[in-house]
PDB file of N, CA and C in Angstrom:
ATOM      1  N   MET A   1       0.863  -1.174   0.000  1.00  0.00           N
ATOM      2  CA  MET A   1       0.000   0.000   0.000  1.00  0.00           C
ATOM      3  C   MET A   1       0.905   1.231   0.000  1.00  0.00           C
ATOM      4  N   THR A   2       0.596   2.163  -0.897  1.00  0.00           N
ATOM      5  CA  THR A   2       1.420   3.375  -0.984  1.00  0.00           C
ATOM      6  C   THR A   2       1.052   4.334   0.128  1.00  0.00           C
ATOM      7  N   ASP A   3       1.961   5.278   0.379  1.00  0.00           N
ATOM      8  CA  ASP A   3       1.689   6.288   1.413  1.00  0.00           C
ATOM      9  C   ASP A   3       0.455   7.110   1.060  1.00  0.00           C
ATOM     10  N   THR A   4       0.330   7.433  -0.218  1.00  0.00           N
ATOM     11  CA  THR A   4      -0.823   8.229  -0.655  1.00  0.00           C
ATOM     12  C   THR A   4      -2.118   7.464  -0.394  1.00  0.00           C
ATOM     13  N   PHE A   5      -2.122   6.199  -0.773  1.00  0.00           N
ATOM     14  CA  PHE A   5      -3.326   5.385  -0.565  1.00  0.00           C
ATOM     15  C   PHE A   5      -3.621   5.233   0.921  1.00  0.00           C
ATOM     16  N   ALA A   6      -2.608   5.031   1.711  1.00  0.00           N
ATOM     17  CA  ALA A   6      -2.790   4.898   3.159  1.00  0.00           C
ATOM     18  C   ALA A   6      -3.366   6.179   3.747  1.00  0.00           C
ATOM     19  N   THR A   7      -2.850   7.313   3.317  1.00  0.00           N
ATOM     20  CA  THR A   7      -3.337   8.606   3.798  1.00  0.00           C
ATOM     21  C   THR A   7      -4.792   8.820   3.387  1.00  0.00           C
ATOM     22  N   LEU A   8      -5.077   8.530   2.109  1.00  0.00           N
ATOM     23  CA  LEU A   8      -6.457   8.674   1.613  1.00  0.00           C
ATOM     24  C   LEU A   8      -7.394   7.758   2.393  1.00  0.00           C
ATOM     25  N   SER A   9      -6.970   6.541   2.604  1.00  0.00           N
ATOM     26  CA  SER A   9      -7.800   5.577   3.329  1.00  0.00           C
ATOM     27  C   SER A   9      -8.081   6.056   4.743  1.00  0.00           C
ATOM     28  N   GLU A  10      -7.056   6.567   5.408  1.00  0.00           N
ATOM     29  CA  GLU A  10      -7.229   7.062   6.779  1.00  0.00           C
ATOM     30  C   GLU A  10      -8.209   8.229   6.816  1.00  0.00           C
ATOM     31  N   GLU A  11      -8.051   9.164   5.867  1.00  0.00           N
ATOM     32  CA  GLU A  11      -8.957  10.321   5.833  1.00  0.00           C
ATOM     33  C   GLU A  11     -10.395   9.876   5.578  1.00  0.00           C
ATOM     34  N   PHE A  12     -10.552   8.950   4.624  1.00  0.00           N
ATOM     35  CA  PHE A  12     -11.891   8.464   4.312  1.00  0.00           C
ATOM     36  C   PHE A  12     -12.507   7.751   5.518  1.00  0.00           C
ATOM     37  N   LEU A  13     -11.740   6.872   6.138  1.00  0.00           N
ATOM     38  CA  LEU A  13     -12.254   6.131   7.294  1.00  0.00           C
ATOM     39  C   LEU A  13     -12.611   7.071   8.445  1.00  0.00           C
ATOM     40  N   HIS A  14     -11.841   8.137   8.606  1.00  0.00           N
ATOM     41  CA  HIS A  14     -12.161   9.130   9.643  1.00  0.00           C
ATOM     42  C   HIS A  14     -13.530   9.760   9.363  1.00  0.00           C
ATOM     43  N   LEU A  15     -13.760  10.147   8.108  1.00  0.00           N
ATOM     44  CA  LEU A  15     -15.054  10.736   7.739  1.00  0.00           C
ATOM     45  C   LEU A  15     -16.186   9.721   7.932  1.00  0.00           C
ATOM     46  N   ALA A  16     -15.924   8.492   7.534  1.00  0.00           N
ATOM     47  CA  ALA A  16     -16.941   7.450   7.667  1.00  0.00           C
ATOM     48  C   ALA A  16     -17.252   7.192   9.142  1.00  0.00           C
ATOM     49  N   ASP A  17     -16.210   7.165   9.967  1.00  0.00           N
ATOM     50  CA  ASP A  17     -16.413   6.940  11.407  1.00  0.00           C
ATOM     51  C   ASP A  17     -17.204   8.069  12.051  1.00  0.00           C
ATOM     52  N   MET A  18     -17.066   9.278  11.532  1.00  0.00           N
ATOM     53  CA  MET A  18     -17.812  10.423  12.061  1.00  0.00           C
ATOM     54  C   MET A  18     -19.282  10.346  11.659  1.00  0.00           C
ATOM     55  N   GLY A  19     -19.589   9.497  10.680  1.00  0.00           N
ATOM     56  CA  GLY A  19     -20.973   9.339  10.242  1.00  0.00           C
ATOM     57  C   GLY A  19     -21.428  10.411   9.268  1.00  0.00           C
ATOM     58  N   ASP A  20     -20.491  11.169   8.732  1.00  0.00           N
ATOM     59  CA  ASP A  20     -20.838  12.236   7.790  1.00  0.00           C
ATOM     60  C   ASP A  20     -20.781  11.683   6.371  1.00  0.00           C
ATOM     61  N   GLU A  21     -21.888  11.091   5.953  1.00  0.00           N
ATOM     62  CA  GLU A  21     -21.931  10.447   4.642  1.00  0.00           C
ATOM     63  C   GLU A  21     -21.676  11.431   3.506  1.00  0.00           C
ATOM     64  N   ALA A  22     -22.225  12.619   3.604  1.00  0.00           N
ATOM     65  CA  ALA A  22     -22.031  13.616   2.547  1.00  0.00           C
ATOM     66  C   ALA A  22     -20.555  13.978   2.411  1.00  0.00           C
ATOM     67  N   ALA A  23     -19.879  14.167   3.531  1.00  0.00           N
ATOM     68  CA  ALA A  23     -18.452  14.509   3.494  1.00  0.00           C
ATOM     69  C   ALA A  23     -17.642  13.335   2.944  1.00  0.00           C
ATOM     70  N   ALA A  24     -18.010  12.117   3.318  1.00  0.00           N
ATOM     71  CA  ALA A  24     -17.295  10.936   2.831  1.00  0.00           C
ATOM     72  C   ALA A  24     -17.463  10.805   1.315  1.00  0.00           C
ATOM     73  N   ARG A  25     -18.672  11.030   0.818  1.00  0.00           N
ATOM     74  CA  ARG A  25     -18.919  10.981  -0.633  1.00  0.00           C
ATOM     75  C   ARG A  25     -18.104  12.047  -1.356  1.00  0.00           C
ATOM     76  N   LYS A  26     -18.159  13.249  -0.813  1.00  0.00           N
ATOM     77  CA  LYS A  26     -17.421  14.354  -1.436  1.00  0.00           C
ATOM     78  C   LYS A  26     -15.929  14.039  -1.453  1.00  0.00           C
ATOM     79  N   PHE A  27     -15.425  13.495  -0.368  1.00  0.00           N
ATOM     80  CA  PHE A  27     -14.007  13.140  -0.310  1.00  0.00           C
ATOM     81  C   PHE A  27     -13.675  12.139  -1.415  1.00  0.00           C
ATOM     82  N   LEU A  28     -14.499  11.113  -1.556  1.00  0.00           N
ATOM     83  CA  LEU A  28     -14.235  10.103  -2.585  1.00  0.00           C
ATOM     84  C   LEU A  28     -14.250  10.699  -3.983  1.00  0.00           C
ATOM     85  N   THR A  29     -15.255  11.528  -4.262  1.00  0.00           N
ATOM     86  CA  THR A  29     -15.333  12.110  -5.604  1.00  0.00           C
ATOM     87  C   THR A  29     -14.218  13.128  -5.847  1.00  0.00           C
ATOM     88  N   ASP A  30     -13.836  13.867  -4.818  1.00  0.00           N
ATOM     89  CA  ASP A  30     -12.755  14.849  -4.969  1.00  0.00           C
ATOM     90  C   ASP A  30     -11.393  14.190  -5.170  1.00  0.00           C
ATOM     91  N   HIS A  31     -11.211  13.002  -4.605  1.00  0.00           N
ATOM     92  CA  HIS A  31      -9.887  12.356  -4.613  1.00  0.00           C
ATOM     93  C   HIS A  31      -9.852  11.055  -5.406  1.00  0.00           C
ATOM     94  N   ILE A  32     -10.880  10.800  -6.203  1.00  0.00           N
ATOM     95  CA  ILE A  32     -10.976   9.491  -6.857  1.00  0.00           C
ATOM     96  C   ILE A  32      -9.761   9.162  -7.714  1.00  0.00           C
ATOM     97  N   MET A  33      -9.213  10.134  -8.397  1.00  0.00           N
ATOM     98  CA  MET A  33      -8.080   9.863  -9.285  1.00  0.00           C
ATOM     99  C   MET A  33      -6.788   9.579  -8.513  1.00  0.00           C
ATOM    100  N   GLU A  34      -6.783   9.823  -7.233  1.00  0.00           N
ATOM    101  CA  GLU A  34      -5.604   9.555  -6.414  1.00  0.00           C
ATOM    102  C   GLU A  34      -5.565   8.110  -5.909  1.00  0.00           C
ATOM    103  N   PHE A  35      -6.690   7.413  -5.989  1.00  0.00           N
ATOM    104  CA  PHE A  35      -6.743   6.026  -5.553  1.00  0.00           C
ATOM    105  C   PHE A  35      -6.177   5.123  -6.651  1.00  0.00           C
ATOM    106  N   PRO A  36      -5.704   3.951  -6.282  1.00  0.00           N
ATOM    107  CA  PRO A  36      -5.251   2.982  -7.293  1.00  0.00           C
ATOM    108  C   PRO A  36      -6.426   2.593  -8.195  1.00  0.00           C
ATOM    109  N   GLU A  37      -6.119   2.171  -9.389  1.00  0.00           N
ATOM    110  CA  GLU A  37      -7.145   1.885 -10.385  1.00  0.00           C
ATOM    111  C   GLU A  37      -8.177   0.868  -9.896  1.00  0.00           C
ATOM    112  N   ASP A  38      -7.739  -0.194  -9.245  1.00  0.00           N
ATOM    113  CA  ASP A  38      -8.698  -1.203  -8.800  1.00  0.00           C
ATOM    114  C   ASP A  38      -9.654  -0.645  -7.748  1.00  0.00           C
ATOM    115  N   VAL A  39      -9.172   0.251  -6.914  1.00  0.00           N
ATOM    116  CA  VAL A  39     -10.023   0.884  -5.906  1.00  0.00           C
ATOM    117  C   VAL A  39     -10.974   1.874  -6.580  1.00  0.00           C
ATOM    118  N   ARG A  40     -10.464   2.620  -7.558  1.00  0.00           N
ATOM    119  CA  ARG A  40     -11.330   3.555  -8.321  1.00  0.00           C
ATOM    120  C   ARG A  40     -12.490   2.802  -8.947  1.00  0.00           C
ATOM    121  N   GLU A  41     -12.186   1.644  -9.547  1.00  0.00           N
ATOM    122  CA  GLU A  41     -13.244   0.861 -10.190  1.00  0.00           C
ATOM    123  C   GLU A  41     -14.305   0.442  -9.176  1.00  0.00           C
ATOM    124  N   LYS A  42     -13.872   0.053  -7.991  1.00  0.00           N
ATOM    125  CA  LYS A  42     -14.822  -0.355  -6.954  1.00  0.00           C
ATOM    126  C   LYS A  42     -15.666   0.827  -6.479  1.00  0.00           C
ATOM    127  N   ILE A  43     -15.038   1.986  -6.355  1.00  0.00           N
ATOM    128  CA  ILE A  43     -15.775   3.188  -5.931  1.00  0.00           C
ATOM    129  C   ILE A  43     -16.822   3.556  -6.978  1.00  0.00           C
ATOM    130  N   VAL A  44     -16.402   3.571  -8.237  1.00  0.00           N
ATOM    131  CA  VAL A  44     -17.327   3.915  -9.325  1.00  0.00           C
ATOM    132  C   VAL A  44     -18.465   2.902  -9.380  1.00  0.00           C
ATOM    133  N   PHE A  45     -18.127   1.614  -9.245  1.00  0.00           N
ATOM    134  CA  PHE A  45     -19.164   0.584  -9.266  1.00  0.00           C
ATOM    135  C   PHE A  45     -20.143   0.774  -8.115  1.00  0.00           C
ATOM    136  N   ALA A  46     -19.634   1.097  -6.927  1.00  0.00           N
ATOM    137  CA  ALA A  46     -20.508   1.306  -5.765  1.00  0.00           C
ATOM    138  C   ALA A  46     -21.462   2.477  -6.008  1.00  0.00           C
ATOM    139  N   PHE A  47     -20.948   3.583  -6.569  1.00  0.00           N
ATOM    140  CA  PHE A  47     -21.812   4.731  -6.870  1.00  0.00           C
ATOM    141  C   PHE A  47     -22.836   4.362  -7.946  1.00  0.00           C
ATOM    142  N   PHE A  48     -22.403   3.617  -8.950  1.00  0.00           N
ATOM    143  CA  PHE A  48     -23.288   3.203 -10.034  1.00  0.00           C
ATOM    144  C   PHE A  48     -24.395   2.295  -9.499  1.00  0.00           C
ATOM    145  N   GLU A  49     -24.003   1.326  -8.662  1.00  0.00           N
ATOM    146  CA  GLU A  49     -24.965   0.405  -8.079  1.00  0.00           C
ATOM    147  C   GLU A  49     -25.989   1.148  -7.223  1.00  0.00           C
ATOM    148  N   GLU A  50     -25.515   2.108  -6.449  1.00  0.00           N
ATOM    149  CA  GLU A  50     -26.418   2.896  -5.610  1.00  0.00           C
ATOM    150  C   GLU A  50     -27.390   3.716  -6.467  1.00  0.00           C
ATOM    151  N   ALA A  51     -26.874   4.298  -7.548  1.00  0.00           N
ATOM    152  CA  ALA A  51     -27.731   5.086  -8.438  1.00  0.00           C
ATOM    153  C   ALA A  51     -28.810   4.206  -9.072  1.00  0.00           C
ATOM    154  N   LEU A  52     -28.423   2.991  -9.473  1.00  0.00           N
ATOM    155  CA  LEU A  52     -29.413   2.067 -10.049  1.00  0.00           C
ATOM    156  C   LEU A  52     -30.483   1.696  -9.031  1.00  0.00           C
ATOM    157  N   ALA A  53     -30.059   1.450  -7.804  1.00  0.00           N
ATOM    158  CA  ALA A  53     -31.020   1.095  -6.752  1.00  0.00           C
ATOM    159  C   ALA A  53     -31.983   2.249  -6.485  1.00  0.00           C
ATOM    160  N   GLU A  54     -31.454   3.470  -6.457  1.00  0.00           N
ATOM    161  CA  GLU A  54     -32.311   4.646  -6.237  1.00  0.00           C
ATOM    162  C   GLU A  54     -33.288   4.819  -7.382  1.00  0.00           C
ATOM    163  N   LYS A  55     -32.808   4.597  -8.617  1.00  0.00           N
ATOM    164  CA  LYS A  55     -33.686   4.727  -9.778  1.00  0.00           C
ATOM    165  C   LYS A  55     -34.785   3.669  -9.737  1.00  0.00           C
ATOM    166  N   ALA A  56     -34.420   2.447  -9.382  1.00  0.00           N
ATOM    167  CA  ALA A  56     -35.418   1.374  -9.301  1.00  0.00           C
ATOM    168  C   ALA A  56     -36.461   1.689  -8.240  1.00  0.00           C
ATOM    169  N   THR A  57     -36.028   2.222  -7.112  1.00  0.00           N
ATOM    170  CA  THR A  57     -36.955   2.594  -6.038  1.00  0.00           C
ATOM    171  C   THR A  57     -37.902   3.691  -6.523  1.00  0.00           C
ATOM    172  N   ALA A  58     -37.350   4.677  -7.221  1.00  0.00           N
ATOM    173  CA  ALA A  58     -38.180   5.770  -7.738  1.00  0.00           C
ATOM    174  C   ALA A  58     -39.178   5.246  -8.766  1.00  0.00           C
ATOM    175  N   GLU A  59     -38.729   4.335  -9.617  1.00  0.00           N
ATOM    176  CA  GLU A  59     -39.629   3.785 -10.634  1.00  0.00           C
ATOM    177  C   GLU A  59     -40.745   2.957  -9.998  1.00  0.00           C
ATOM    178  N   ARG A  60     -40.405   2.220  -8.930  1.00  0.00           N
ATOM    179  CA  ARG A  60     -41.457   1.459  -8.230  1.00  0.00           C
ATOM    180  C   ARG A  60     -42.470   2.409  -7.600  1.00  0.00           C
ATOM    181  N   ALA A  61     -41.997   3.530  -7.073  1.00  0.00           N
ATOM    182  CA  ALA A  61     -42.899   4.511  -6.460  1.00  0.00           C
ATOM    183  C   ALA A  61     -43.825   5.103  -7.520  1.00  0.00           C
ATOM    184  N   VAL A  62     -43.283   5.414  -8.680  1.00  0.00           N
ATOM    185  CA  VAL A  62     -44.097   5.967  -9.776  1.00  0.00           C
ATOM    186  C   VAL A  62     -45.135   4.936 -10.208  1.00  0.00           C
ATOM    187  N   ALA A  63     -44.712   3.687 -10.340  1.00  0.00           N
ATOM    188  CA  ALA A  63     -45.640   2.626 -10.746  1.00  0.00           C
ATOM    189  C   ALA A  63     -46.769   2.464  -9.725  1.00  0.00           C
ATOM    190  N   ALA A  64     -46.432   2.561  -8.451  1.00  0.00           N
ATOM    191  CA  ALA A  64     -47.452   2.441  -7.405  1.00  0.00           C
ATOM    192  C   ALA A  64     -48.464   3.578  -7.499  1.00  0.00           C
ATOM    193  N   VAL A  65     -47.983   4.789  -7.735  1.00  0.00           N
ATOM    194  CA  VAL A  65     -48.881   5.940  -7.876  1.00  0.00           C
ATOM    195  C   VAL A  65     -49.765   5.764  -9.102  1.00  0.00           C
ATOM    196  N   GLN A  66     -49.166   5.267 -10.191  1.00  0.00           N
ATOM    197  CA  GLN A  66     -49.958   5.035 -11.403  1.00  0.00           C
ATOM    198  C   GLN A  66     -51.042   3.993 -11.152  1.00  0.00           C
ATOM    199  N   GLN A  67     -50.710   2.936 -10.436  1.00  0.00           N
ATOM    200  CA  GLN A  67     -51.702   1.907 -10.123  1.00  0.00           C
ATOM    201  C   GLN A  67     -52.828   2.475  -9.263  1.00  0.00           C
ATOM    202  N   GLU A  68     -52.480   3.312  -8.302  1.00  0.00           N
ATOM    203  CA  GLU A  68     -53.503   3.954  -7.468  1.00  0.00           C
ATOM    204  C   GLU A  68     -54.394   4.852  -8.316  1.00  0.00           C
ATOM    205  N   GLY A  69     -53.790   5.551  -9.263  1.00  0.00           N
ATOM    206  CA  GLY A  69     -54.567   6.412 -10.158  1.00  0.00           C
ATOM    207  C   GLY A  69     -55.534   5.616 -11.012  1.00  0.00           C
ATOM    208  N   ILE A  70     -55.066   4.492 -11.525  1.00  0.00           N
ATOM    209  CA  ILE A  70     -55.930   3.629 -12.344  1.00  0.00           C
ATOM    210  C   ILE A  70     -57.084   3.089 -11.503  1.00  0.00           C
ATOM    211  N   ALA A  71     -56.788   2.672 -10.291  1.00  0.00           N
ATOM    212  CA  ALA A  71     -57.845   2.165  -9.405  1.00  0.00           C
ATOM    213  C   ALA A  71     -58.865   3.263  -9.106  1.00  0.00           C
ATOM    214  N   ALA A  72     -58.390   4.475  -8.877  1.00  0.00           N
ATOM    215  CA  ALA A  72     -59.299   5.587  -8.599  1.00  0.00           C
ATOM    216  C   ALA A  72     -60.175   5.879  -9.813  1.00  0.00           C
ATOM    217  N   LEU A  73     -59.585   5.863 -11.001  1.00  0.00           N
ATOM    218  CA  LEU A  73     -60.369   6.102 -12.221  1.00  0.00           C
ATOM    219  C   LEU A  73     -61.426   5.018 -12.417  1.00  0.00           C
ATOM    220  N   ARG A  74     -61.048   3.771 -12.165  1.00  0.00           N
ATOM    221  CA  ARG A  74     -62.022   2.675 -12.293  1.00  0.00           C
ATOM    222  C   ARG A  74     -63.178   2.875 -11.320  1.00  0.00           C
ATOM    223  N   SER A  75     -62.856   3.304 -10.118  1.00  0.00           N
ATOM    224  CA  SER A  75     -63.890   3.545  -9.116  1.00  0.00           C
ATOM    225  C   SER A  75     -64.810   4.677  -9.551  1.00  0.00           C
ATOM    226  N   ILE A  76     -64.232   5.737 -10.081  1.00  0.00           N
ATOM    227  CA  ILE A  76     -65.031   6.878 -10.558  1.00  0.00           C
ATOM    228  C   ILE A  76     -65.945   6.444 -11.693  1.00  0.00           C
ATOM    229  N   ILE A  77     -65.404   5.684 -12.640  1.00  0.00           N
ATOM    230  CA  ILE A  77     -66.204   5.225 -13.777  1.00  0.00           C
ATOM    231  C   ILE A  77     -67.346   4.334 -13.300  1.00  0.00           C
ATOM    232  N   ALA A  78     -67.054   3.426 -12.363  1.00  0.00           N
ATOM    233  CA  ALA A  78     -68.098   2.548 -11.826  1.00  0.00           C
ATOM    234  C   ALA A  78     -69.165   3.364 -11.116  1.00  0.00           C
ATOM    235  N   SER A  79     -68.764   4.382 -10.354  1.00  0.00           N
ATOM    236  CA  SER A  79     -69.728   5.233  -9.648  1.00  0.00           C
ATOM    237  C   SER A  79     -70.592   6.005 -10.631  1.00  0.00           C
ATOM    238  N   GLU A  80     -69.971   6.505 -11.695  1.00  0.00           N
ATOM    239  CA  GLU A  80     -70.740   7.253 -12.697  1.00  0.00           C
ATOM    240  C   GLU A  80     -71.761   6.348 -13.374  1.00  0.00           C
ATOM    241  N   LYS A  81     -71.363   5.110 -13.674  1.00  0.00           N
ATOM    242  CA  LYS A  81     -72.299   4.162 -14.296  1.00  0.00           C
ATOM    243  C   LYS A  81     -73.450   3.849 -13.348  1.00  0.00           C
ATOM    244  N   GLU A  82     -73.100   3.648 -12.076  1.00  0.00           N
ATOM    245  CA  GLU A  82     -74.112   3.338 -11.073  1.00  0.00           C
ATOM    246  C   GLU A  82     -75.088   4.502 -10.927  1.00  0.00           C
ATOM    247  N   MET A  83     -74.570   5.714 -10.889  1.00  0.00           N
ATOM    248  CA  MET A  83     -75.428   6.895 -10.759  1.00  0.00           C
ATOM    249  C   MET A  83     -76.311   7.044 -11.989  1.00  0.00           C
ATOM    250  N   GLY A  84     -75.727   6.776 -13.158  1.00  0.00           N
ATOM    251  CA  GLY A  84     -76.509   6.859 -14.394  1.00  0.00           C
ATOM    252  C   GLY A  84     -77.610   5.824 -14.407  1.00  0.00           C
ATOM    253  N   HIS A  85     -77.302   4.628 -13.931  1.00  0.00           N
ATOM    254  CA  HIS A  85     -78.302   3.560 -13.856  1.00  0.00           C
ATOM    255  C   HIS A  85     -79.411   3.945 -12.872  1.00  0.00           C
ATOM    256  N   ALA A  86     -79.031   4.484 -11.733  1.00  0.00           N
ATOM    257  CA  ALA A  86     -80.019   4.893 -10.728  1.00  0.00           C
ATOM    258  C   ALA A  86     -80.918   5.991 -11.297  1.00  0.00           C
ATOM    259  N   ASP A  87     -80.332   6.947 -12.012  1.00  0.00           N
ATOM    260  CA  ASP A  87     -81.128   8.013 -12.627  1.00  0.00           C
ATOM    261  C   ASP A  87     -82.099   7.436 -13.642  1.00  0.00           C
ATOM    262  N   THR A  88     -81.659   6.460 -14.412  1.00  0.00           N
ATOM    263  CA  THR A  88     -82.511   5.835 -15.421  1.00  0.00           C
ATOM    264  C   THR A  88     -83.673   5.099 -14.756  1.00  0.00           C
ATOM    265  N   VAL A  89     -83.399   4.392 -13.684  1.00  0.00           N
ATOM    266  CA  VAL A  89     -84.448   3.664 -12.955  1.00  0.00           C
ATOM    267  C   VAL A  89     -85.469   4.655 -12.411  1.00  0.00           C
ATOM    268  N   GLU A  90     -85.009   5.741 -11.818  1.00  0.00           N
ATOM    269  CA  GLU A  90     -85.928   6.747 -11.276  1.00  0.00           C
ATOM    270  C   GLU A  90     -86.771   7.369 -12.387  1.00  0.00           C
ATOM    271  N   GLU A  91     -86.144   7.627 -13.519  1.00  0.00           N
ATOM    272  CA  GLU A  91     -86.886   8.222 -14.639  1.00  0.00           C
ATOM    273  C   GLU A  91     -87.948   7.242 -15.141  1.00  0.00           C
ATOM    274  N   LEU A  92     -87.601   5.974 -15.247  1.00  0.00           N
ATOM    275  CA  LEU A  92     -88.588   4.966 -15.677  1.00  0.00           C
ATOM    276  C   LEU A  92     -89.744   4.863 -14.690  1.00  0.00           C
ATOM    277  N   LYS A  93     -89.432   4.912 -13.381  1.00  0.00           N
ATOM    278  CA  LYS A  93     -90.471   4.855 -12.371  1.00  0.00           C
ATOM    279  C   LYS A  93     -91.422   6.033 -12.522  1.00  0.00           C
ATOM    280  N   ARG A  94     -90.846   7.212 -12.747  1.00  0.00           N
ATOM    281  CA  ARG A  94     -91.705   8.414 -12.923  1.00  0.00           C
ATOM    282  C   ARG A  94     -92.595   8.267 -14.136  1.00  0.00           C
ATOM    283  N   LYS A  95     -92.030   7.774 -15.226  1.00  0.00           N
ATOM    284  CA  LYS A  95     -92.818   7.625 -16.457  1.00  0.00           C
ATOM    285  C   LYS A  95     -93.909   6.573 -16.300  1.00  0.00           C
ATOM    286  N   LEU A  96     -93.657   5.561 -15.504  1.00  0.00           N
ATOM    287  CA  LEU A  96     -94.633   4.500 -15.282  1.00  0.00           C
ATOM    288  C   LEU A  96     -95.612   4.848 -14.171  1.00  0.00           C
ATOM    289  N   GLY A  97     -95.384   6.002 -13.535  1.00  0.00           N
ATOM    290  CA  GLY A  97     -96.286   6.448 -12.487  1.00  0.00           C
ATOM    291  C   GLY A  97     -96.091   5.679 -11.189  1.00  0.00           C
ATOM    292  N   ALA A  98     -94.936   5.118 -11.023  1.00  0.00           N
ATOM    293  CA  ALA A  98     -94.720   4.335  -9.794  1.00  0.00           C
ATOM    294  C   ALA A  98     -94.136   5.174  -8.709  1.00  0.00           C
TER     295      ALA A  98
END
């Protein structure tokens, strides 16, 4: 392990131990080119994997909202049909004198 890598690792671990995720992310992105290539690849892959997971979560949320919207529309359409049917029955009763 090179001195530079050791120093970077120590700084990163210090930020991680403090629980400051934003600072740890910023540190990684600010210093990514200073890490060895194999470590850079792992960092990039981790960010990529996280981005994919966030996108999948967002897409599932959108799909859930769309499903709720479709269910609401179906309910509205069914209610409108029911109301129309009830109005028709009442009109027929009036015409038949019932």
